[in-house]
């Protein structure tokens, strides 16, 4: 499984998304939209807005959070096939 995480250092939901992946030993490549030229535009081109975090799992874009709800632990656990406490 190829997992990329579009994120930024200032993003709280991004930190939670990366903690989730690390906790479940899911390897990922982090793409910082502030430091990687064109990354913010890539997010906007694929999801219609500059909303992070974004996962790209085997080429499919997935938004792992909802505004006002934060990181979607239950949904992401099911997607990755890992236990949800």
PDB file of N, CA and C in Angstrom:
ATOM      1  N   UNK A   1       0.855  -1.183   0.000  1.00  0.00           N
ATOM      2  CA  UNK A   1       0.000   0.000   0.000  1.00  0.00           C
ATOM      3  C   UNK A   1       0.890   1.232   0.000  1.00  0.00           C
ATOM      4  N   UNK A   2       0.665   2.114  -0.952  1.00  0.00           N
ATOM      5  CA  UNK A   2       1.413   3.355  -1.055  1.00  0.00           C
ATOM      6  C   UNK A   2       0.571   4.476  -0.444  1.00  0.00           C
ATOM      7  N   UNK A   3       1.085   5.104   0.624  1.00  0.00           N
ATOM      8  CA  UNK A   3       0.339   6.149   1.321  1.00  0.00           C
ATOM      9  C   UNK A   3       1.158   7.433   1.337  1.00  0.00           C
ATOM     10  N   UNK A   4       0.521   8.511   0.869  1.00  0.00           N
ATOM     11  CA  UNK A   4       1.106   9.845   0.958  1.00  0.00           C
ATOM     12  C   UNK A   4       0.194  10.691   1.838  1.00  0.00           C
ATOM     13  N   UNK A   5       0.804  11.584   2.607  1.00  0.00           N
ATOM     14  CA  UNK A   5       0.037  12.489   3.467  1.00  0.00           C
ATOM     15  C   UNK A   5       0.421  13.920   3.105  1.00  0.00           C
ATOM     16  N   UNK A   6      -0.543  14.665   2.605  1.00  0.00           N
ATOM     17  CA  UNK A   6      -0.340  16.085   2.354  1.00  0.00           C
ATOM     18  C   UNK A   6      -0.672  16.808   3.654  1.00  0.00           C
ATOM     19  N   UNK A   7       0.290  17.598   4.144  1.00  0.00           N
ATOM     20  CA  UNK A   7       0.125  18.203   5.458  1.00  0.00           C
ATOM     21  C   UNK A   7       0.917  19.502   5.547  1.00  0.00           C
ATOM     22  N   UNK A   8       0.880  20.105   6.732  1.00  0.00           N
ATOM     23  CA  UNK A   8       1.691  21.281   7.058  1.00  0.00           C
ATOM     24  C   UNK A   8       1.989  21.230   8.552  1.00  0.00           C
ATOM     25  N   UNK A   9       3.112  21.801   8.937  1.00  0.00           N
ATOM     26  CA  UNK A   9       3.552  21.750  10.334  1.00  0.00           C
ATOM     27  C   UNK A   9       2.543  22.385  11.291  1.00  0.00           C
ATOM     28  N   UNK A  10       1.835  23.416  10.850  1.00  0.00           N
ATOM     29  CA  UNK A  10       0.909  24.149  11.726  1.00  0.00           C
ATOM     30  C   UNK A  10      -0.457  23.463  11.866  1.00  0.00           C
ATOM     31  N   UNK A  11      -0.690  22.392  11.131  1.00  0.00           N
ATOM     32  CA  UNK A  11      -2.015  21.766  11.054  1.00  0.00           C
ATOM     33  C   UNK A  11      -2.203  20.690  12.132  1.00  0.00           C
ATOM     34  N   UNK A  12      -3.100  20.954  13.067  1.00  0.00           N
ATOM     35  CA  UNK A  12      -3.371  20.023  14.169  1.00  0.00           C
ATOM     36  C   UNK A  12      -3.933  18.700  13.666  1.00  0.00           C
ATOM     37  N   UNK A  13      -4.878  18.751  12.728  1.00  0.00           N
ATOM     38  CA  UNK A  13      -5.457  17.516  12.186  1.00  0.00           C
ATOM     39  C   UNK A  13      -4.406  16.705  11.429  1.00  0.00           C
ATOM     40  N   UNK A  14      -3.449  17.381  10.823  1.00  0.00           N
ATOM     41  CA  UNK A  14      -2.357  16.683  10.128  1.00  0.00           C
ATOM     42  C   UNK A  14      -1.503  15.914  11.132  1.00  0.00           C
ATOM     43  N   UNK A  15      -1.190  16.535  12.249  1.00  0.00           N
ATOM     44  CA  UNK A  15      -0.395  15.848  13.270  1.00  0.00           C
ATOM     45  C   UNK A  15      -1.133  14.614  13.769  1.00  0.00           C
ATOM     46  N   UNK A  16      -2.436  14.722  13.959  1.00  0.00           N
ATOM     47  CA  UNK A  16      -3.240  13.587  14.417  1.00  0.00           C
ATOM     48  C   UNK A  16      -3.254  12.484  13.353  1.00  0.00           C
ATOM     49  N   UNK A  17      -3.348  12.853  12.093  1.00  0.00           N
ATOM     50  CA  UNK A  17      -3.345  11.869  10.999  1.00  0.00           C
ATOM     51  C   UNK A  17      -2.022  11.106  10.979  1.00  0.00           C
ATOM     52  N   UNK A  18      -0.914  11.813  11.130  1.00  0.00           N
ATOM     53  CA  UNK A  18       0.403  11.165  11.118  1.00  0.00           C
ATOM     54  C   UNK A  18       0.600  10.297  12.356  1.00  0.00           C
ATOM     55  N   UNK A  19       0.077  10.733  13.509  1.00  0.00           N
ATOM     56  CA  UNK A  19       0.144   9.898  14.728  1.00  0.00           C
ATOM     57  C   UNK A  19      -0.616   8.597  14.517  1.00  0.00           C
ATOM     58  N   UNK A  20      -1.787   8.686  13.890  1.00  0.00           N
ATOM     59  CA  UNK A  20      -2.598   7.501  13.613  1.00  0.00           C
ATOM     60  C   UNK A  20      -1.797   6.506  12.757  1.00  0.00           C
ATOM     61  N   UNK A  21      -1.212   6.988  11.679  1.00  0.00           N
ATOM     62  CA  UNK A  21      -0.445   6.114  10.795  1.00  0.00           C
ATOM     63  C   UNK A  21       0.749   5.496  11.526  1.00  0.00           C
ATOM     64  N   UNK A  22       1.465   6.306  12.285  1.00  0.00           N
ATOM     65  CA  UNK A  22       2.627   5.808  13.025  1.00  0.00           C
ATOM     66  C   UNK A  22       2.211   4.770  14.072  1.00  0.00           C
ATOM     67  N   UNK A  23       1.130   5.033  14.778  1.00  0.00           N
ATOM     68  CA  UNK A  23       0.645   4.114  15.813  1.00  0.00           C
ATOM     69  C   UNK A  23       0.347   2.733  15.229  1.00  0.00           C
ATOM     70  N   UNK A  24      -0.144   2.713  14.005  1.00  0.00           N
ATOM     71  CA  UNK A  24      -0.516   1.448  13.369  1.00  0.00           C
ATOM     72  C   UNK A  24       0.567   0.935  12.411  1.00  0.00           C
ATOM     73  N   UNK A  25       1.769   1.527  12.529  1.00  0.00           N
ATOM     74  CA  UNK A  25       2.913   1.095  11.715  1.00  0.00           C
ATOM     75  C   UNK A  25       2.603   1.080  10.219  1.00  0.00           C
ATOM     76  N   UNK A  26       1.890   2.097   9.772  1.00  0.00           N
ATOM     77  CA  UNK A  26       1.566   2.240   8.355  1.00  0.00           C
ATOM     78  C   UNK A  26       2.584   3.208   7.760  1.00  0.00           C
ATOM     79  N   UNK A  27       3.471   2.713   6.897  1.00  0.00           N
ATOM     80  CA  UNK A  27       4.469   3.618   6.317  1.00  0.00           C
ATOM     81  C   UNK A  27       3.813   4.636   5.384  1.00  0.00           C
ATOM     82  N   UNK A  28       4.350   5.851   5.399  1.00  0.00           N
ATOM     83  CA  UNK A  28       3.793   6.903   4.553  1.00  0.00           C
ATOM     84  C   UNK A  28       4.863   7.894   4.161  1.00  0.00           C
ATOM     85  N   UNK A  29       4.597   8.588   3.081  1.00  0.00           N
ATOM     86  CA  UNK A  29       5.445   9.681   2.637  1.00  0.00           C
ATOM     87  C   UNK A  29       4.713  10.970   2.961  1.00  0.00           C
ATOM     88  N   UNK A  30       5.386  11.859   3.673  1.00  0.00           N
ATOM     89  CA  UNK A  30       4.775  13.147   4.004  1.00  0.00           C
ATOM     90  C   UNK A  30       5.142  14.186   2.961  1.00  0.00           C
ATOM     91  N   UNK A  31       4.139  14.921   2.502  1.00  0.00           N
ATOM     92  CA  UNK A  31       4.355  16.008   1.556  1.00  0.00           C
ATOM     93  C   UNK A  31       3.852  17.288   2.221  1.00  0.00           C
ATOM     94  N   UNK A  32       4.787  18.138   2.627  1.00  0.00           N
ATOM     95  CA  UNK A  32       4.467  19.390   3.304  1.00  0.00           C
ATOM     96  C   UNK A  32       4.088  20.426   2.246  1.00  0.00           C
ATOM     97  N   UNK A  33       2.846  20.882   2.290  1.00  0.00           N
ATOM     98  CA  UNK A  33       2.372  21.814   1.260  1.00  0.00           C
ATOM     99  C   UNK A  33       3.053  23.180   1.345  1.00  0.00           C
ATOM    100  N   UNK A  34       3.676  23.479   2.480  1.00  0.00           N
ATOM    101  CA  UNK A  34       4.370  24.753   2.641  1.00  0.00           C
ATOM    102  C   UNK A  34       5.791  24.686   2.061  1.00  0.00           C
ATOM    103  N   UNK A  35       6.359  23.494   2.009  1.00  0.00           N
ATOM    104  CA  UNK A  35       7.765  23.346   1.612  1.00  0.00           C
ATOM    105  C   UNK A  35       7.955  22.667   0.264  1.00  0.00           C
ATOM    106  N   UNK A  36       6.934  22.008  -0.235  1.00  0.00           N
ATOM    107  CA  UNK A  36       7.055  21.284  -1.498  1.00  0.00           C
ATOM    108  C   UNK A  36       6.396  22.101  -2.610  1.00  0.00           C
ATOM    109  N   UNK A  37       7.187  22.619  -3.535  1.00  0.00           N
ATOM    110  CA  UNK A  37       6.616  23.431  -4.611  1.00  0.00           C
ATOM    111  C   UNK A  37       5.522  22.664  -5.378  1.00  0.00           C
ATOM    112  N   UNK A  38       4.386  23.322  -5.538  1.00  0.00           N
ATOM    113  CA  UNK A  38       3.279  22.741  -6.285  1.00  0.00           C
ATOM    114  C   UNK A  38       2.367  21.820  -5.496  1.00  0.00           C
ATOM    115  N   UNK A  39       2.737  21.470  -4.273  1.00  0.00           N
ATOM    116  CA  UNK A  39       1.936  20.516  -3.494  1.00  0.00           C
ATOM    117  C   UNK A  39       0.562  21.079  -3.140  1.00  0.00           C
ATOM    118  N   UNK A  40       0.484  22.338  -2.737  1.00  0.00           N
ATOM    119  CA  UNK A  40      -0.817  22.932  -2.392  1.00  0.00           C
ATOM    120  C   UNK A  40      -1.727  22.961  -3.615  1.00  0.00           C
ATOM    121  N   UNK A  41      -1.147  23.238  -4.783  1.00  0.00           N
ATOM    122  CA  UNK A  41      -1.929  23.235  -6.020  1.00  0.00           C
ATOM    123  C   UNK A  41      -2.417  21.826  -6.355  1.00  0.00           C
ATOM    124  N   UNK A  42      -1.581  20.820  -6.080  1.00  0.00           N
ATOM    125  CA  UNK A  42      -1.980  19.425  -6.303  1.00  0.00           C
ATOM    126  C   UNK A  42      -3.203  19.072  -5.466  1.00  0.00           C
ATOM    127  N   UNK A  43      -3.182  19.498  -4.197  1.00  0.00           N
ATOM    128  CA  UNK A  43      -4.331  19.249  -3.318  1.00  0.00           C
ATOM    129  C   UNK A  43      -5.568  19.916  -3.906  1.00  0.00           C
ATOM    130  N   UNK A  44      -5.441  21.171  -4.244  1.00  0.00           N
ATOM    131  CA  UNK A  44      -6.586  21.913  -4.781  1.00  0.00           C
ATOM    132  C   UNK A  44      -7.095  21.293  -6.087  1.00  0.00           C
ATOM    133  N   UNK A  45      -6.201  20.883  -6.947  1.00  0.00           N
ATOM    134  CA  UNK A  45      -6.591  20.266  -8.217  1.00  0.00           C
ATOM    135  C   UNK A  45      -7.359  18.962  -8.015  1.00  0.00           C
ATOM    136  N   UNK A  46      -7.006  18.213  -6.969  1.00  0.00           N
ATOM    137  CA  UNK A  46      -7.613  16.897  -6.751  1.00  0.00           C
ATOM    138  C   UNK A  46      -8.837  16.895  -5.852  1.00  0.00           C
ATOM    139  N   UNK A  47      -8.925  17.858  -4.932  1.00  0.00           N
ATOM    140  CA  UNK A  47     -10.077  17.869  -4.013  1.00  0.00           C
ATOM    141  C   UNK A  47     -10.916  19.137  -4.103  1.00  0.00           C
ATOM    142  N   UNK A  48     -10.479  20.080  -4.923  1.00  0.00           N
ATOM    143  CA  UNK A  48     -11.270  21.278  -5.145  1.00  0.00           C
ATOM    144  C   UNK A  48     -11.048  22.399  -4.146  1.00  0.00           C
ATOM    145  N   UNK A  49     -10.190  22.175  -3.167  1.00  0.00           N
ATOM    146  CA  UNK A  49      -9.868  23.212  -2.187  1.00  0.00           C
ATOM    147  C   UNK A  49      -8.547  22.856  -1.534  1.00  0.00           C
ATOM    148  N   UNK A  50      -7.978  23.798  -0.835  1.00  0.00           N
ATOM    149  CA  UNK A  50      -6.705  23.561  -0.134  1.00  0.00           C
ATOM    150  C   UNK A  50      -7.005  23.098   1.278  1.00  0.00           C
ATOM    151  N   UNK A  51      -7.474  21.884   1.376  1.00  0.00           N
ATOM    152  CA  UNK A  51      -7.846  21.317   2.670  1.00  0.00           C
ATOM    153  C   UNK A  51      -6.871  20.195   3.023  1.00  0.00           C
ATOM    154  N   UNK A  52      -6.259  20.311   4.185  1.00  0.00           N
ATOM    155  CA  UNK A  52      -5.352  19.272   4.659  1.00  0.00           C
ATOM    156  C   UNK A  52      -5.767  18.846   6.055  1.00  0.00           C
ATOM    157  N   UNK A  53      -5.435  17.643   6.466  1.00  0.00           N
ATOM    158  CA  UNK A  53      -4.634  16.651   5.774  1.00  0.00           C
ATOM    159  C   UNK A  53      -5.423  15.960   4.669  1.00  0.00           C
ATOM    160  N   UNK A  54      -4.667  15.422   3.730  1.00  0.00           N
ATOM    161  CA  UNK A  54      -5.220  14.559   2.688  1.00  0.00           C
ATOM    162  C   UNK A  54      -4.343  13.326   2.614  1.00  0.00           C
ATOM    163  N   UNK A  55      -4.961  12.166   2.518  1.00  0.00           N
ATOM    164  CA  UNK A  55      -4.238  10.931   2.245  1.00  0.00           C
ATOM    165  C   UNK A  55      -4.381  10.649   0.759  1.00  0.00           C
ATOM    166  N   UNK A  56      -3.344  10.098   0.166  1.00  0.00           N
ATOM    167  CA  UNK A  56      -3.432   9.520  -1.169  1.00  0.00           C
ATOM    168  C   UNK A  56      -2.999   8.075  -0.994  1.00  0.00           C
ATOM    169  N   UNK A  57      -3.963   7.184  -1.137  1.00  0.00           N
ATOM    170  CA  UNK A  57      -3.740   5.759  -0.890  1.00  0.00           C
ATOM    171  C   UNK A  57      -3.811   5.038  -2.228  1.00  0.00           C
ATOM    172  N   UNK A  58      -2.677   4.521  -2.656  1.00  0.00           N
ATOM    173  CA  UNK A  58      -2.586   3.857  -3.961  1.00  0.00           C
ATOM    174  C   UNK A  58      -3.227   4.708  -5.063  1.00  0.00           C
ATOM    175  N   UNK A  59      -2.949   6.014  -5.015  1.00  0.00           N
ATOM    176  CA  UNK A  59      -3.430   6.928  -6.040  1.00  0.00           C
ATOM    177  C   UNK A  59      -4.816   7.515  -5.803  1.00  0.00           C
ATOM    178  N   UNK A  60      -5.525   7.048  -4.783  1.00  0.00           N
ATOM    179  CA  UNK A  60      -6.879   7.549  -4.502  1.00  0.00           C
ATOM    180  C   UNK A  60      -6.823   8.581  -3.368  1.00  0.00           C
ATOM    181  N   UNK A  61      -7.420   9.748  -3.615  1.00  0.00           N
ATOM    182  CA  UNK A  61      -7.434  10.823  -2.621  1.00  0.00           C
ATOM    183  C   UNK A  61      -8.516  10.563  -1.582  1.00  0.00           C
ATOM    184  N   UNK A  62      -8.127  10.677  -0.287  1.00  0.00           N
ATOM    185  CA  UNK A  62      -9.046  10.426   0.828  1.00  0.00           C
ATOM    186  C   UNK A  62      -8.867  11.544   1.851  1.00  0.00           C
ATOM    187  N   UNK A  63      -9.962  12.161   2.251  1.00  0.00           N
ATOM    188  CA  UNK A  63      -9.906  13.192   3.296  1.00  0.00           C
ATOM    189  C   UNK A  63     -10.157  12.503   4.637  1.00  0.00           C
ATOM    190  N   UNK A  64      -9.125  12.435   5.504  1.00  0.00           N
ATOM    191  CA  UNK A  64      -9.253  11.673   6.739  1.00  0.00           C
ATOM    192  C   UNK A  64      -9.825  12.457   7.926  1.00  0.00           C
ATOM    193  N   UNK A  65     -10.449  13.575   7.673  1.00  0.00           N
ATOM    194  CA  UNK A  65     -11.028  14.377   8.746  1.00  0.00           C
ATOM    195  C   UNK A  65     -12.269  15.076   8.208  1.00  0.00           C
ATOM    196  N   UNK A  66     -13.069  15.596   9.117  1.00  0.00           N
ATOM    197  CA  UNK A  66     -14.204  16.436   8.752  1.00  0.00           C
ATOM    198  C   UNK A  66     -14.135  17.692   9.603  1.00  0.00           C
ATOM    199  N   UNK A  67     -14.328  18.857   8.992  1.00  0.00           N
ATOM    200  CA  UNK A  67     -14.337  20.098   9.777  1.00  0.00           C
ATOM    201  C   UNK A  67     -15.345  19.984  10.923  1.00  0.00           C
ATOM    202  N   UNK A  68     -14.897  20.353  12.091  1.00  0.00           N
ATOM    203  CA  UNK A  68     -15.755  20.293  13.266  1.00  0.00           C
ATOM    204  C   UNK A  68     -15.749  18.934  13.958  1.00  0.00           C
ATOM    205  N   UNK A  69     -15.300  17.891  13.272  1.00  0.00           N
ATOM    206  CA  UNK A  69     -15.233  16.544  13.858  1.00  0.00           C
ATOM    207  C   UNK A  69     -13.806  16.090  14.071  1.00  0.00           C
ATOM    208  N   UNK A  70     -12.861  16.673  13.337  1.00  0.00           N
ATOM    209  CA  UNK A  70     -11.460  16.282  13.448  1.00  0.00           C
ATOM    210  C   UNK A  70     -11.167  15.006  12.686  1.00  0.00           C
ATOM    211  N   UNK A  71     -10.108  14.319  13.105  1.00  0.00           N
ATOM    212  CA  UNK A  71      -9.664  13.108  12.431  1.00  0.00           C
ATOM    213  C   UNK A  71     -10.708  12.011  12.597  1.00  0.00           C
ATOM    214  N   UNK A  72     -10.963  11.288  11.528  1.00  0.00           N
ATOM    215  CA  UNK A  72     -11.999  10.247  11.516  1.00  0.00           C
ATOM    216  C   UNK A  72     -11.391   8.894  11.891  1.00  0.00           C
ATOM    217  N   UNK A  73     -11.146   8.705  13.173  1.00  0.00           N
ATOM    218  CA  UNK A  73     -10.474   7.491  13.647  1.00  0.00           C
ATOM    219  C   UNK A  73     -11.208   6.216  13.238  1.00  0.00           C
ATOM    220  N   UNK A  74     -12.499   6.161  13.455  1.00  0.00           N
ATOM    221  CA  UNK A  74     -13.250   4.942  13.158  1.00  0.00           C
ATOM    222  C   UNK A  74     -13.223   4.621  11.655  1.00  0.00           C
ATOM    223  N   UNK A  75     -13.493   5.620  10.839  1.00  0.00           N
ATOM    224  CA  UNK A  75     -13.516   5.420   9.386  1.00  0.00           C
ATOM    225  C   UNK A  75     -12.141   5.046   8.842  1.00  0.00           C
ATOM    226  N   UNK A  76     -11.089   5.706   9.327  1.00  0.00           N
ATOM    227  CA  UNK A  76      -9.735   5.408   8.839  1.00  0.00           C
ATOM    228  C   UNK A  76      -9.255   4.044   9.331  1.00  0.00           C
ATOM    229  N   UNK A  77      -9.660   3.657  10.544  1.00  0.00           N
ATOM    230  CA  UNK A  77      -9.318   2.320  11.052  1.00  0.00           C
ATOM    231  C   UNK A  77      -9.925   1.248  10.142  1.00  0.00           C
ATOM    232  N   UNK A  78     -11.177   1.445   9.752  1.00  0.00           N
ATOM    233  CA  UNK A  78     -11.838   0.486   8.855  1.00  0.00           C
ATOM    234  C   UNK A  78     -11.152   0.482   7.487  1.00  0.00           C
ATOM    235  N   UNK A  79     -10.813   1.655   6.971  1.00  0.00           N
ATOM    236  CA  UNK A  79     -10.186   1.748   5.662  1.00  0.00           C
ATOM    237  C   UNK A  79      -8.841   1.019   5.624  1.00  0.00           C
ATOM    238  N   UNK A  80      -8.058   1.178   6.694  1.00  0.00           N
ATOM    239  CA  UNK A  80      -6.739   0.560   6.746  1.00  0.00           C
ATOM    240  C   UNK A  80      -6.764  -0.846   7.352  1.00  0.00           C
ATOM    241  N   UNK A  81      -7.921  -1.280   7.857  1.00  0.00           N
ATOM    242  CA  UNK A  81      -8.018  -2.610   8.439  1.00  0.00           C
ATOM    243  C   UNK A  81      -7.260  -2.758   9.743  1.00  0.00           C
ATOM    244  N   UNK A  82      -7.295  -1.707  10.556  1.00  0.00           N
ATOM    245  CA  UNK A  82      -6.601  -1.742  11.854  1.00  0.00           C
ATOM    246  C   UNK A  82      -7.660  -1.595  12.962  1.00  0.00           C
ATOM    247  N   UNK A  83      -7.333  -2.091  14.159  1.00  0.00           N
ATOM    248  CA  UNK A  83      -8.323  -2.004  15.255  1.00  0.00           C
ATOM    249  C   UNK A  83      -8.577  -0.562  15.672  1.00  0.00           C
ATOM    250  N   UNK A  84      -9.817  -0.322  16.035  1.00  0.00           N
ATOM    251  CA  UNK A  84     -10.216   0.981  16.584  1.00  0.00           C
ATOM    252  C   UNK A  84     -10.654   0.735  18.022  1.00  0.00           C
ATOM    253  N   UNK A  85      -9.978   1.390  18.954  1.00  0.00           N
ATOM    254  CA  UNK A  85     -10.316   1.135  20.380  1.00  0.00           C
ATOM    255  C   UNK A  85     -11.725   1.524  20.738  1.00  0.00           C
TER     256      UNK A  85
END
